[in-house]
Amino acid sequence: MRQVSRSLGGAAYILLAASLWGTTASARTFAPAAAGPVAVGAARVIGGGLLLLLVALRGGALRGLVTRGTRTRCLLAVGAAAAAVYQTAFFAATARAGVAVGTVVTIGAAPVFTGVLSMATGRASRPGARWLAATAAAVAGCAMLVISGHASGASAAGVVLALLASFCYAVYAVTASYLITNGADDRAVVGAIFGGAAVLLMPVLFTNPMSWVATGAGLAVATYLAVLTTALAYLLYARGLRTTAVTTATTLGLAEPAVAAVLGLAVLGEHLTTTGFAGLGVLAISLIIAAWPPQRPTTAARSGRGLDQPQEGASPTGATSTPASG
């Protein structure tokens, strides 16, 4: 088991981060009734973003990041804006379309948006067959969960907001991946992006009732969401992006609705139809396909390669290239 975990590499970090994100909806149900979805989302990002910013300030990594040039600062600003819009659009979507539909549409569409953005910006070549198969299966599994959750009752506005949230998620994921795979410190990148998002969401604290945070249940929920589902989860996600292509990472992120569905069954007493259970099974298989490490060349194949030919995953100059897809 330890060998499997080691071979999975960055995929294990991505899956763990997605699993933490999957607990968000269940955790929110323990907040006081006065805690609105936008206020909870703002508390989560502001608390977690400030924690990530503190982590990034240690050792001067953040200073080194922001002094890399105007291009880097612009990318960080785009990532921060996307993270802030994602959070507000996502919680607004779940309020209008329901938690199940809003979550599945948001996370389910993310691999498609990420793949298109990655190719459009030159971050990836044409996706490989395994990534396409895993993503298609994952989207199919999510669709089955939506059907099980009676998606027909979801409002059109809620679905549109979920697609907006999904696009914003893809934007900041691709931005973070670009910076990290080009040598930026992963903790500094997520600290800058989510620290910036925290600043942008500060006005929410003054336009929404926040007295619920002062209660025991409210403080516990806000702390859990900020520390575990934001600060820790995004540190894990950023670490995974060191060695995992962003297209694969967003496909692995589909573990989030699967975990949310399981918790809904086990903790909240929700029910799934046969279609829903089948969707969970398809989704689990797709995640295994996406996470499983590619087969390494055999010794004989390596020995047969000419000395003047670069090894797989390396550029002609000897530098390791970023994987284009899973």
C-alpha atoms as a PDB file:
ATOM      1  CA  MET A   1       0.000   0.000   0.000  1.00  0.00           C
ATOM      2  CA  ARG A   2       2.846   2.400   0.799  1.00  0.00           C
ATOM      3  CA  GLN A   3       4.392   1.651  -2.600  1.00  0.00           C
ATOM      4  CA  VAL A   4       1.086   2.420  -4.338  1.00  0.00           C
ATOM      5  CA  SER A   5       0.757   5.698  -2.442  1.00  0.00           C
ATOM      6  CA  ARG A   6       4.315   6.645  -3.389  1.00  0.00           C
ATOM      7  CA  SER A   7       3.737   5.787  -7.054  1.00  0.00           C
ATOM      8  CA  LEU A   8       0.582   7.890  -7.193  1.00  0.00           C
ATOM      9  CA  GLY A   9       2.687  10.944  -6.334  1.00  0.00           C
ATOM     10  CA  GLY A  10       0.857  14.239  -6.758  1.00  0.00           C
ATOM     11  CA  ALA A  11      -2.429  12.478  -7.519  1.00  0.00           C
ATOM     12  CA  ALA A  12      -2.675  11.373  -3.877  1.00  0.00           C
ATOM     13  CA  TYR A  13      -2.411  14.998  -2.707  1.00  0.00           C
ATOM     14  CA  ILE A  14      -5.103  16.064  -5.204  1.00  0.00           C
ATOM     15  CA  LEU A  15      -7.458  13.287  -4.112  1.00  0.00           C
ATOM     16  CA  LEU A  16      -6.995  14.141  -0.434  1.00  0.00           C
ATOM     17  CA  ALA A  17      -7.679  17.826  -1.147  1.00  0.00           C
ATOM     18  CA  ALA A  18     -10.818  16.963  -3.117  1.00  0.00           C
ATOM     19  CA  SER A  19     -11.981  14.691  -0.298  1.00  0.00           C
ATOM     20  CA  LEU A  20     -11.692  17.592   2.143  1.00  0.00           C
ATOM     21  CA  TRP A  21     -13.630  19.852  -0.242  1.00  0.00           C
ATOM     22  CA  GLY A  22     -16.312  17.176  -0.394  1.00  0.00           C
ATOM     23  CA  THR A  23     -17.056  17.640   3.307  1.00  0.00           C
ATOM     24  CA  THR A  24     -17.947  21.324   2.863  1.00  0.00           C
ATOM     25  CA  ALA A  25     -21.663  20.928   2.153  1.00  0.00           C
ATOM     26  CA  SER A  26     -22.178  18.523   5.059  1.00  0.00           C
ATOM     27  CA  ALA A  27     -20.215  20.765   7.442  1.00  0.00           C
ATOM     28  CA  ARG A  28     -22.315  23.773   6.470  1.00  0.00           C
ATOM     29  CA  THR A  29     -25.506  22.015   7.646  1.00  0.00           C
ATOM     30  CA  PHE A  30     -24.201  22.257  11.235  1.00  0.00           C
ATOM     31  CA  ALA A  31     -24.011  26.074  11.061  1.00  0.00           C
ATOM     32  CA  PRO A  32     -26.775  28.154  12.695  1.00  0.00           C
ATOM     33  CA  ALA A  33     -29.866  28.855  10.595  1.00  0.00           C
ATOM     34  CA  ALA A  34     -28.879  32.525  10.323  1.00  0.00           C
ATOM     35  CA  ALA A  35     -25.733  31.608   8.374  1.00  0.00           C
ATOM     36  CA  GLY A  36     -26.492  32.384   4.739  1.00  0.00           C
ATOM     37  CA  PRO A  37     -24.622  30.565   1.947  1.00  0.00           C
ATOM     38  CA  VAL A  38     -22.728  33.651   0.731  1.00  0.00           C
ATOM     39  CA  ALA A  39     -21.724  34.600   4.277  1.00  0.00           C
ATOM     40  CA  VAL A  40     -20.480  31.075   4.972  1.00  0.00           C
ATOM     41  CA  GLY A  41     -18.502  31.079   1.732  1.00  0.00           C
ATOM     42  CA  ALA A  42     -16.953  34.448   2.545  1.00  0.00           C
ATOM     43  CA  ALA A  43     -16.013  33.329   6.063  1.00  0.00           C
ATOM     44  CA  ARG A  44     -14.403  30.216   4.609  1.00  0.00           C
ATOM     45  CA  VAL A  45     -12.306  32.029   2.004  1.00  0.00           C
ATOM     46  CA  ILE A  46     -11.388  34.987   4.209  1.00  0.00           C
ATOM     47  CA  GLY A  47     -10.285  32.771   7.104  1.00  0.00           C
ATOM     48  CA  GLY A  48      -8.534  30.200   4.925  1.00  0.00           C
ATOM     49  CA  GLY A  49      -7.054  32.815   2.599  1.00  0.00           C
ATOM     50  CA  LEU A  50      -5.491  34.755   5.446  1.00  0.00           C
ATOM     51  CA  LEU A  51      -4.031  31.529   6.868  1.00  0.00           C
ATOM     52  CA  LEU A  52      -2.569  30.660   3.463  1.00  0.00           C
ATOM     53  CA  LEU A  53      -1.163  34.182   3.225  1.00  0.00           C
ATOM     54  CA  LEU A  54       0.581  33.756   6.608  1.00  0.00           C
ATOM     55  CA  VAL A  55       2.082  30.456   5.435  1.00  0.00           C
ATOM     56  CA  ALA A  56       3.291  32.127   2.231  1.00  0.00           C
ATOM     57  CA  LEU A  57       4.959  34.954   4.164  1.00  0.00           C
ATOM     58  CA  ARG A  58       7.226  32.522   6.011  1.00  0.00           C
ATOM     59  CA  GLY A  59      10.727  32.352   4.584  1.00  0.00           C
ATOM     60  CA  GLY A  60      10.177  35.188   2.127  1.00  0.00           C
ATOM     61  CA  ALA A  61       8.614  32.957  -0.550  1.00  0.00           C
ATOM     62  CA  LEU A  62       5.795  35.418  -1.215  1.00  0.00           C
ATOM     63  CA  ARG A  63       8.192  38.323  -1.617  1.00  0.00           C
ATOM     64  CA  GLY A  64      10.184  36.331  -4.130  1.00  0.00           C
ATOM     65  CA  LEU A  65       6.999  35.533  -6.050  1.00  0.00           C
ATOM     66  CA  VAL A  66       5.649  39.074  -6.372  1.00  0.00           C
ATOM     67  CA  THR A  67       9.057  40.417  -7.443  1.00  0.00           C
ATOM     68  CA  ARG A  68       9.242  38.052 -10.416  1.00  0.00           C
ATOM     69  CA  GLY A  69       7.736  40.654 -12.702  1.00  0.00           C
ATOM     70  CA  THR A  70       4.564  42.316 -13.940  1.00  0.00           C
ATOM     71  CA  ARG A  71       3.377  39.168 -15.738  1.00  0.00           C
ATOM     72  CA  THR A  72       3.429  37.149 -12.520  1.00  0.00           C
ATOM     73  CA  ARG A  73       1.610  39.858 -10.578  1.00  0.00           C
ATOM     74  CA  CYS A  74      -1.068  40.078 -13.276  1.00  0.00           C
ATOM     75  CA  LEU A  75      -1.553  36.306 -13.219  1.00  0.00           C
ATOM     76  CA  LEU A  76      -1.884  36.360  -9.435  1.00  0.00           C
ATOM     77  CA  ALA A  77      -4.499  39.122  -9.699  1.00  0.00           C
ATOM     78  CA  VAL A  78      -6.462  37.108 -12.277  1.00  0.00           C
ATOM     79  CA  GLY A  79      -6.252  34.014 -10.063  1.00  0.00           C
ATOM     80  CA  ALA A  80      -7.431  35.933  -6.986  1.00  0.00           C
ATOM     81  CA  ALA A  81     -10.386  37.457  -8.847  1.00  0.00           C
ATOM     82  CA  ALA A  82     -11.347  34.048 -10.245  1.00  0.00           C
ATOM     83  CA  ALA A  83     -11.157  32.437  -6.786  1.00  0.00           C
ATOM     84  CA  ALA A  84     -13.380  35.166  -5.299  1.00  0.00           C
ATOM     85  CA  VAL A  85     -15.972  34.935  -8.080  1.00  0.00           C
ATOM     86  CA  TYR A  86     -15.890  31.130  -7.891  1.00  0.00           C
ATOM     87  CA  GLN A  87     -16.793  31.128  -4.220  1.00  0.00           C
ATOM     88  CA  THR A  88     -19.706  33.563  -4.534  1.00  0.00           C
ATOM     89  CA  ALA A  89     -21.039  32.016  -7.762  1.00  0.00           C
ATOM     90  CA  PHE A  90     -20.794  28.485  -6.338  1.00  0.00           C
ATOM     91  CA  PHE A  91     -22.767  29.202  -3.181  1.00  0.00           C
ATOM     92  CA  ALA A  92     -25.316  31.242  -5.153  1.00  0.00           C
ATOM     93  CA  ALA A  93     -25.669  28.292  -7.554  1.00  0.00           C
ATOM     94  CA  THR A  94     -26.252  25.793  -4.764  1.00  0.00           C
ATOM     95  CA  ALA A  95     -28.859  28.117  -3.245  1.00  0.00           C
ATOM     96  CA  ARG A  96     -30.807  28.217  -6.544  1.00  0.00           C
ATOM     97  CA  ALA A  97     -30.153  24.773  -8.007  1.00  0.00           C
ATOM     98  CA  GLY A  98     -29.651  22.766  -4.840  1.00  0.00           C
ATOM     99  CA  VAL A  99     -26.437  21.519  -3.239  1.00  0.00           C
ATOM    100  CA  ALA A 100     -26.254  18.287  -5.244  1.00  0.00           C
ATOM    101  CA  VAL A 101     -26.923  19.800  -8.665  1.00  0.00           C
ATOM    102  CA  GLY A 102     -24.855  22.932  -8.037  1.00  0.00           C
ATOM    103  CA  THR A 103     -21.845  20.940  -6.835  1.00  0.00           C
ATOM    104  CA  VAL A 104     -21.994  18.311  -9.581  1.00  0.00           C
ATOM    105  CA  VAL A 105     -22.396  20.856 -12.402  1.00  0.00           C
ATOM    106  CA  THR A 106     -19.619  23.065 -11.033  1.00  0.00           C
ATOM    107  CA  ILE A 107     -17.074  20.313 -10.474  1.00  0.00           C
ATOM    108  CA  GLY A 108     -18.269  18.130 -13.351  1.00  0.00           C
ATOM    109  CA  ALA A 109     -17.720  20.824 -15.979  1.00  0.00           C
ATOM    110  CA  ALA A 110     -14.311  21.863 -14.592  1.00  0.00           C
ATOM    111  CA  PRO A 111     -12.212  19.249 -16.473  1.00  0.00           C
ATOM    112  CA  VAL A 112     -13.696  20.402 -19.791  1.00  0.00           C
ATOM    113  CA  PHE A 113     -13.029  24.095 -19.076  1.00  0.00           C
ATOM    114  CA  THR A 114      -9.534  23.272 -17.822  1.00  0.00           C
ATOM    115  CA  GLY A 115      -8.693  21.176 -20.870  1.00  0.00           C
ATOM    116  CA  VAL A 116      -9.829  23.939 -23.237  1.00  0.00           C
ATOM    117  CA  LEU A 117      -7.999  26.678 -21.297  1.00  0.00           C
ATOM    118  CA  SER A 118      -4.829  24.601 -21.085  1.00  0.00           C
ATOM    119  CA  MET A 119      -4.756  23.999 -24.833  1.00  0.00           C
ATOM    120  CA  ALA A 120      -5.741  27.602 -25.637  1.00  0.00           C
ATOM    121  CA  THR A 121      -2.898  28.979 -23.507  1.00  0.00           C
ATOM    122  CA  GLY A 122      -0.364  26.431 -24.715  1.00  0.00           C
ATOM    123  CA  ARG A 123      -0.243  24.689 -21.321  1.00  0.00           C
ATOM    124  CA  ALA A 124      -1.129  21.315 -22.795  1.00  0.00           C
ATOM    125  CA  SER A 125      -1.081  19.449 -26.044  1.00  0.00           C
ATOM    126  CA  ARG A 126      -4.027  17.418 -27.282  1.00  0.00           C
ATOM    127  CA  PRO A 127      -5.342  15.431 -24.286  1.00  0.00           C
ATOM    128  CA  GLY A 128      -4.320  11.779 -24.135  1.00  0.00           C
ATOM    129  CA  ALA A 129      -6.746   8.902 -24.586  1.00  0.00           C
ATOM    130  CA  ARG A 130      -6.637   7.944 -20.910  1.00  0.00           C
ATOM    131  CA  TRP A 131      -7.515  11.469 -19.745  1.00  0.00           C
ATOM    132  CA  LEU A 132     -10.364  11.646 -22.244  1.00  0.00           C
ATOM    133  CA  ALA A 133     -11.697   8.256 -21.118  1.00  0.00           C
ATOM    134  CA  ALA A 134     -11.406   9.098 -17.417  1.00  0.00           C
ATOM    135  CA  THR A 135     -13.005  12.513 -17.851  1.00  0.00           C
ATOM    136  CA  ALA A 136     -15.866  11.178 -19.994  1.00  0.00           C
ATOM    137  CA  ALA A 137     -16.571   8.463 -17.423  1.00  0.00           C
ATOM    138  CA  ALA A 138     -16.386  10.958 -14.548  1.00  0.00           C
ATOM    139  CA  VAL A 139     -18.797  13.373 -16.247  1.00  0.00           C
ATOM    140  CA  ALA A 140     -21.147  10.453 -16.946  1.00  0.00           C
ATOM    141  CA  GLY A 141     -20.984   9.439 -13.277  1.00  0.00           C
ATOM    142  CA  CYS A 142     -21.752  13.026 -12.213  1.00  0.00           C
ATOM    143  CA  ALA A 143     -24.680  13.143 -14.629  1.00  0.00           C
ATOM    144  CA  MET A 144     -26.094   9.984 -13.060  1.00  0.00           C
ATOM    145  CA  LEU A 145     -25.819  11.608  -9.641  1.00  0.00           C
ATOM    146  CA  VAL A 146     -27.644  14.667 -10.964  1.00  0.00           C
ATOM    147  CA  ILE A 147     -30.441  12.473 -12.330  1.00  0.00           C
ATOM    148  CA  SER A 148     -30.634  10.713  -8.982  1.00  0.00           C
ATOM    149  CA  GLY A 149     -30.949  14.097  -7.279  1.00  0.00           C
ATOM    150  CA  HIS A 150     -33.924  15.139  -9.440  1.00  0.00           C
ATOM    151  CA  ALA A 151     -32.000  17.728 -11.442  1.00  0.00           C
ATOM    152  CA  SER A 152     -35.097  18.600 -13.433  1.00  0.00           C
ATOM    153  CA  GLY A 153     -36.174  20.879 -10.595  1.00  0.00           C
ATOM    154  CA  ALA A 154     -33.033  23.006 -10.756  1.00  0.00           C
ATOM    155  CA  SER A 155     -33.459  26.571 -11.981  1.00  0.00           C
ATOM    156  CA  ALA A 156     -31.750  27.672 -15.183  1.00  0.00           C
ATOM    157  CA  ALA A 157     -30.131  30.579 -13.323  1.00  0.00           C
ATOM    158  CA  GLY A 158     -28.631  28.159 -10.810  1.00  0.00           C
ATOM    159  CA  VAL A 159     -27.107  26.019 -13.555  1.00  0.00           C
ATOM    160  CA  VAL A 160     -25.670  29.115 -15.297  1.00  0.00           C
ATOM    161  CA  LEU A 161     -24.114  30.269 -12.016  1.00  0.00           C
ATOM    162  CA  ALA A 162     -22.663  26.784 -11.511  1.00  0.00           C
ATOM    163  CA  LEU A 163     -21.074  26.926 -14.977  1.00  0.00           C
ATOM    164  CA  LEU A 164     -19.647  30.378 -14.159  1.00  0.00           C
ATOM    165  CA  ALA A 165     -18.194  28.967 -10.937  1.00  0.00           C
ATOM    166  CA  SER A 166     -16.750  26.028 -12.873  1.00  0.00           C
ATOM    167  CA  PHE A 167     -15.063  28.346 -15.393  1.00  0.00           C
ATOM    168  CA  CYS A 168     -13.565  30.458 -12.595  1.00  0.00           C
ATOM    169  CA  TYR A 169     -12.296  27.311 -10.879  1.00  0.00           C
ATOM    170  CA  ALA A 170     -10.566  26.311 -14.113  1.00  0.00           C
ATOM    171  CA  VAL A 171      -9.037  29.799 -14.463  1.00  0.00           C
ATOM    172  CA  TYR A 172      -7.369  29.838 -11.059  1.00  0.00           C
ATOM    173  CA  ALA A 173      -6.348  26.178 -11.328  1.00  0.00           C
ATOM    174  CA  VAL A 174      -4.607  26.761 -14.667  1.00  0.00           C
ATOM    175  CA  THR A 175      -3.029  29.978 -13.334  1.00  0.00           C
ATOM    176  CA  ALA A 176      -1.683  28.234 -10.228  1.00  0.00           C
ATOM    177  CA  SER A 177      -0.406  25.307 -12.284  1.00  0.00           C
ATOM    178  CA  TYR A 178       1.396  27.633 -14.696  1.00  0.00           C
ATOM    179  CA  LEU A 179       3.194  29.478 -11.914  1.00  0.00           C
ATOM    180  CA  ILE A 180       4.075  26.365  -9.899  1.00  0.00           C
ATOM    181  CA  THR A 181       5.397  24.380 -12.855  1.00  0.00           C
ATOM    182  CA  ASN A 182       7.524  27.383 -13.850  1.00  0.00           C
ATOM    183  CA  GLY A 183       9.413  27.399 -10.569  1.00  0.00           C
ATOM    184  CA  ALA A 184       7.222  29.413  -8.192  1.00  0.00           C
ATOM    185  CA  ASP A 185       6.857  28.181  -4.619  1.00  0.00           C
ATOM    186  CA  ASP A 186       3.513  26.339  -4.375  1.00  0.00           C
ATOM    187  CA  ARG A 187       2.702  27.752  -0.918  1.00  0.00           C
ATOM    188  CA  ALA A 188       3.408  31.282  -2.108  1.00  0.00           C
ATOM    189  CA  VAL A 189       1.145  30.829  -5.142  1.00  0.00           C
ATOM    190  CA  VAL A 190      -1.930  29.624  -3.224  1.00  0.00           C
ATOM    191  CA  GLY A 191      -1.215  32.148  -0.458  1.00  0.00           C
ATOM    192  CA  ALA A 192      -1.174  35.022  -2.924  1.00  0.00           C
ATOM    193  CA  ILE A 193      -4.248  33.845  -4.845  1.00  0.00           C
ATOM    194  CA  PHE A 194      -6.431  33.100  -1.830  1.00  0.00           C
ATOM    195  CA  GLY A 195      -5.055  35.978   0.218  1.00  0.00           C
ATOM    196  CA  GLY A 196      -6.111  38.238  -2.645  1.00  0.00           C
ATOM    197  CA  ALA A 197      -9.514  36.529  -2.831  1.00  0.00           C
ATOM    198  CA  ALA A 198      -9.942  37.100   0.923  1.00  0.00           C
ATOM    199  CA  VAL A 199      -9.354  40.832   0.465  1.00  0.00           C
ATOM    200  CA  LEU A 200     -11.841  40.982  -2.415  1.00  0.00           C
ATOM    201  CA  LEU A 201     -14.515  39.236  -0.336  1.00  0.00           C
ATOM    202  CA  MET A 202     -14.080  41.456   2.742  1.00  0.00           C
ATOM    203  CA  PRO A 203     -17.087  43.663   1.818  1.00  0.00           C
ATOM    204  CA  VAL A 204     -19.347  40.605   2.261  1.00  0.00           C
ATOM    205  CA  LEU A 205     -18.651  40.793   6.002  1.00  0.00           C
ATOM    206  CA  PHE A 206     -20.305  44.217   6.112  1.00  0.00           C
ATOM    207  CA  THR A 207     -23.259  43.436   3.847  1.00  0.00           C
ATOM    208  CA  ASN A 208     -24.383  40.107   5.338  1.00  0.00           C
ATOM    209  CA  PRO A 209     -25.365  39.086   8.886  1.00  0.00           C
ATOM    210  CA  MET A 210     -22.257  37.594  10.532  1.00  0.00           C
ATOM    211  CA  SER A 211     -23.376  37.302  14.173  1.00  0.00           C
ATOM    212  CA  TRP A 212     -23.699  33.535  13.701  1.00  0.00           C
ATOM    213  CA  VAL A 213     -19.890  33.257  13.761  1.00  0.00           C
ATOM    214  CA  ALA A 214     -19.907  34.280  17.443  1.00  0.00           C
ATOM    215  CA  THR A 215     -21.943  31.199  18.416  1.00  0.00           C
ATOM    216  CA  GLY A 216     -20.268  27.921  19.349  1.00  0.00           C
ATOM    217  CA  ALA A 217     -21.623  26.013  16.359  1.00  0.00           C
ATOM    218  CA  GLY A 218     -20.951  28.897  13.989  1.00  0.00           C
ATOM    219  CA  LEU A 219     -17.356  29.311  15.143  1.00  0.00           C
ATOM    220  CA  ALA A 220     -16.721  25.566  14.894  1.00  0.00           C
ATOM    221  CA  VAL A 221     -18.093  25.392  11.336  1.00  0.00           C
ATOM    222  CA  ALA A 222     -16.239  28.533  10.198  1.00  0.00           C
ATOM    223  CA  THR A 223     -12.972  27.239  11.695  1.00  0.00           C
ATOM    224  CA  TYR A 224     -13.355  23.816  10.097  1.00  0.00           C
ATOM    225  CA  LEU A 225     -14.138  25.295   6.685  1.00  0.00           C
ATOM    226  CA  ALA A 226     -11.281  27.813   6.858  1.00  0.00           C
ATOM    227  CA  VAL A 227      -8.543  25.599   8.309  1.00  0.00           C
ATOM    228  CA  LEU A 228      -9.235  22.173   6.788  1.00  0.00           C
ATOM    229  CA  THR A 229     -11.303  22.644   3.628  1.00  0.00           C
ATOM    230  CA  THR A 230      -9.464  25.782   2.496  1.00  0.00           C
ATOM    231  CA  ALA A 231      -5.982  26.270   3.993  1.00  0.00           C
ATOM    232  CA  LEU A 232      -4.958  22.608   4.312  1.00  0.00           C
ATOM    233  CA  ALA A 233      -6.833  21.456   1.207  1.00  0.00           C
ATOM    234  CA  TYR A 234      -5.276  24.071  -1.069  1.00  0.00           C
ATOM    235  CA  LEU A 235      -1.789  23.459   0.321  1.00  0.00           C
ATOM    236  CA  LEU A 236      -2.281  19.793  -0.607  1.00  0.00           C
ATOM    237  CA  TYR A 237      -3.692  20.754  -3.999  1.00  0.00           C
ATOM    238  CA  ALA A 238      -0.760  23.054  -4.739  1.00  0.00           C
ATOM    239  CA  ARG A 239       1.705  20.341  -3.709  1.00  0.00           C
ATOM    240  CA  GLY A 240      -0.035  17.936  -6.077  1.00  0.00           C
ATOM    241  CA  LEU A 241       0.227  20.416  -8.956  1.00  0.00           C
ATOM    242  CA  ARG A 242       4.023  20.139  -8.761  1.00  0.00           C
ATOM    243  CA  THR A 243       3.891  16.756 -10.511  1.00  0.00           C
ATOM    244  CA  THR A 244       0.307  16.430 -11.762  1.00  0.00           C
ATOM    245  CA  ALA A 245      -0.989  18.110 -14.916  1.00  0.00           C
ATOM    246  CA  VAL A 246      -3.804  20.540 -14.206  1.00  0.00           C
ATOM    247  CA  THR A 247      -6.094  18.694 -16.648  1.00  0.00           C
ATOM    248  CA  THR A 248      -5.635  15.517 -14.614  1.00  0.00           C
ATOM    249  CA  ALA A 249      -5.933  17.429 -11.335  1.00  0.00           C
ATOM    250  CA  THR A 250      -9.380  18.792 -12.191  1.00  0.00           C
ATOM    251  CA  THR A 251     -10.546  15.323 -13.218  1.00  0.00           C
ATOM    252  CA  LEU A 252      -9.332  13.984  -9.858  1.00  0.00           C
ATOM    253  CA  GLY A 253     -11.216  16.877  -8.254  1.00  0.00           C
ATOM    254  CA  LEU A 254     -14.396  15.033  -9.197  1.00  0.00           C
ATOM    255  CA  ALA A 255     -13.829  13.064  -6.000  1.00  0.00           C
ATOM    256  CA  GLU A 256     -15.451  16.065  -4.285  1.00  0.00           C
ATOM    257  CA  PRO A 257     -19.078  15.364  -5.334  1.00  0.00           C
ATOM    258  CA  ALA A 258     -18.541  11.652  -4.682  1.00  0.00           C
ATOM    259  CA  VAL A 259     -17.432  12.320  -1.108  1.00  0.00           C
ATOM    260  CA  ALA A 260     -20.283  14.799  -0.678  1.00  0.00           C
ATOM    261  CA  ALA A 261     -22.787  12.183  -1.828  1.00  0.00           C
ATOM    262  CA  VAL A 262     -21.396   9.516   0.520  1.00  0.00           C
ATOM    263  CA  LEU A 263     -21.507  11.911   3.466  1.00  0.00           C
ATOM    264  CA  GLY A 264     -25.035  12.866   2.552  1.00  0.00           C
ATOM    265  CA  LEU A 265     -25.978   9.197   2.838  1.00  0.00           C
ATOM    266  CA  ALA A 266     -23.999   8.436   5.998  1.00  0.00           C
ATOM    267  CA  VAL A 267     -24.336  11.683   7.961  1.00  0.00           C
ATOM    268  CA  LEU A 268     -27.341  13.602   6.681  1.00  0.00           C
ATOM    269  CA  GLY A 269     -29.654  10.669   6.075  1.00  0.00           C
ATOM    270  CA  GLU A 270     -30.115  11.435   2.391  1.00  0.00           C
ATOM    271  CA  HIS A 271     -31.064   8.741  -0.101  1.00  0.00           C
ATOM    272  CA  LEU A 272     -29.760   7.716  -3.526  1.00  0.00           C
ATOM    273  CA  THR A 273     -31.574   5.795  -6.196  1.00  0.00           C
ATOM    274  CA  THR A 274     -30.040   2.854  -8.037  1.00  0.00           C
ATOM    275  CA  THR A 275     -28.917   5.341 -10.703  1.00  0.00           C
ATOM    276  CA  GLY A 276     -27.137   7.378  -8.038  1.00  0.00           C
ATOM    277  CA  PHE A 277     -25.250   4.380  -6.688  1.00  0.00           C
ATOM    278  CA  ALA A 278     -24.303   3.409 -10.245  1.00  0.00           C
ATOM    279  CA  GLY A 279     -23.040   6.962 -10.786  1.00  0.00           C
ATOM    280  CA  LEU A 280     -20.837   6.698  -7.683  1.00  0.00           C
ATOM    281  CA  GLY A 281     -19.392   3.462  -9.024  1.00  0.00           C
ATOM    282  CA  VAL A 282     -18.645   4.945 -12.456  1.00  0.00           C
ATOM    283  CA  LEU A 283     -17.118   8.007 -10.812  1.00  0.00           C
ATOM    284  CA  ALA A 284     -14.880   5.845  -8.596  1.00  0.00           C
ATOM    285  CA  ILE A 285     -13.631   3.872 -11.603  1.00  0.00           C
ATOM    286  CA  SER A 286     -12.881   7.070 -13.530  1.00  0.00           C
ATOM    287  CA  LEU A 287     -10.857   8.468 -10.623  1.00  0.00           C
ATOM    288  CA  ILE A 288      -8.795   5.282 -10.433  1.00  0.00           C
ATOM    289  CA  ILE A 289      -8.081   5.542 -14.172  1.00  0.00           C
ATOM    290  CA  ALA A 290      -7.035   9.187 -13.846  1.00  0.00           C
ATOM    291  CA  ALA A 291      -4.929   8.691 -10.706  1.00  0.00           C
ATOM    292  CA  TRP A 292      -3.139   5.483 -11.668  1.00  0.00           C
ATOM    293  CA  PRO A 293       0.476   6.217 -12.676  1.00  0.00           C
ATOM    294  CA  PRO A 294       1.400   5.659 -16.337  1.00  0.00           C
ATOM    295  CA  GLN A 295       3.341   2.532 -17.181  1.00  0.00           C
ATOM    296  CA  ARG A 296       7.070   3.146 -17.104  1.00  0.00           C
ATOM    297  CA  PRO A 297       9.268   2.042 -19.992  1.00  0.00           C
ATOM    298  CA  THR A 298      10.778  -1.417 -19.499  1.00  0.00           C
ATOM    299  CA  THR A 299      14.503  -1.849 -18.968  1.00  0.00           C
ATOM    300  CA  ALA A 300      14.828  -3.362 -22.407  1.00  0.00           C
ATOM    301  CA  ALA A 301      13.052  -0.412 -23.995  1.00  0.00           C
ATOM    302  CA  ARG A 302      15.284   2.057 -22.172  1.00  0.00           C
ATOM    303  CA  SER A 303      18.433   0.207 -23.132  1.00  0.00           C
ATOM    304  CA  GLY A 304      17.342   0.183 -26.776  1.00  0.00           C
ATOM    305  CA  ARG A 305      17.075   3.953 -26.920  1.00  0.00           C
ATOM    306  CA  GLY A 306      19.933   5.749 -28.559  1.00  0.00           C
ATOM    307  CA  LEU A 307      22.232   7.856 -26.386  1.00  0.00           C
ATOM    308  CA  ASP A 308      21.356  10.947 -28.366  1.00  0.00           C
ATOM    309  CA  GLN A 309      17.597  10.533 -27.759  1.00  0.00           C
ATOM    310  CA  PRO A 310      16.040  12.266 -24.739  1.00  0.00           C
ATOM    311  CA  GLN A 311      14.186  10.202 -22.168  1.00  0.00           C
ATOM    312  CA  GLU A 312      10.421  10.405 -21.969  1.00  0.00           C
ATOM    313  CA  GLY A 313       9.252  13.457 -20.056  1.00  0.00           C
ATOM    314  CA  ALA A 314      12.444  15.386 -20.818  1.00  0.00           C
ATOM    315  CA  SER A 315      13.064  18.116 -23.339  1.00  0.00           C
ATOM    316  CA  PRO A 316      15.940  17.925 -25.842  1.00  0.00           C
ATOM    317  CA  THR A 317      17.925  20.168 -23.518  1.00  0.00           C
ATOM    318  CA  GLY A 318      17.472  17.785 -20.614  1.00  0.00           C
ATOM    319  CA  ALA A 319      14.911  19.775 -18.683  1.00  0.00           C
ATOM    320  CA  THR A 320      11.910  17.887 -17.449  1.00  0.00           C
ATOM    321  CA  SER A 321       8.742  18.982 -19.195  1.00  0.00           C
ATOM    322  CA  THR A 322       5.374  19.504 -17.598  1.00  0.00           C
ATOM    323  CA  PRO A 323       2.984  16.638 -18.309  1.00  0.00           C
ATOM    324  CA  ALA A 324       0.335  17.676 -20.779  1.00  0.00           C
ATOM    325  CA  SER A 325      -2.390  15.372 -19.628  1.00  0.00           C
ATOM    326  CA  GLY A 326      -3.129  12.384 -17.509  1.00  0.00           C
END
